[in-house]
Amino acid sequence: MNGRGRGITERLARSCAAHPRRTLLAWGVAVLAALALVASGGVIGALGITNASRRPVEARRCPGGQLAGAPEPAAQRTSVAQGT
């Protein structure tokens, strides 16, 4: 058999069966690479993300709450400190 006519999954299965240590090593490398990516994402997130500045909104101006959607006067640029 020269490998022609067989699917990629069959060839991969035969190769893995012929070299089980290489297969386990490849899985270990893949898991370590995934862990490194997750860890680096956590470090970048911890160092690089800051809280956005938010303006205060009175609760009575948002009768539906945050689950109901945006309040009607969401387009207005008034602040609570001004009282308008």
Foldseek 3Di string as FASTA:
>chain_A
DPPPPDDPVVVVVVVCVVPVVVVVVVVVVVVVVVVVVVVVVVVCCVPPDDDDDDADDDPVQVVPPVVVDDGPVPVDDDGVVVVD
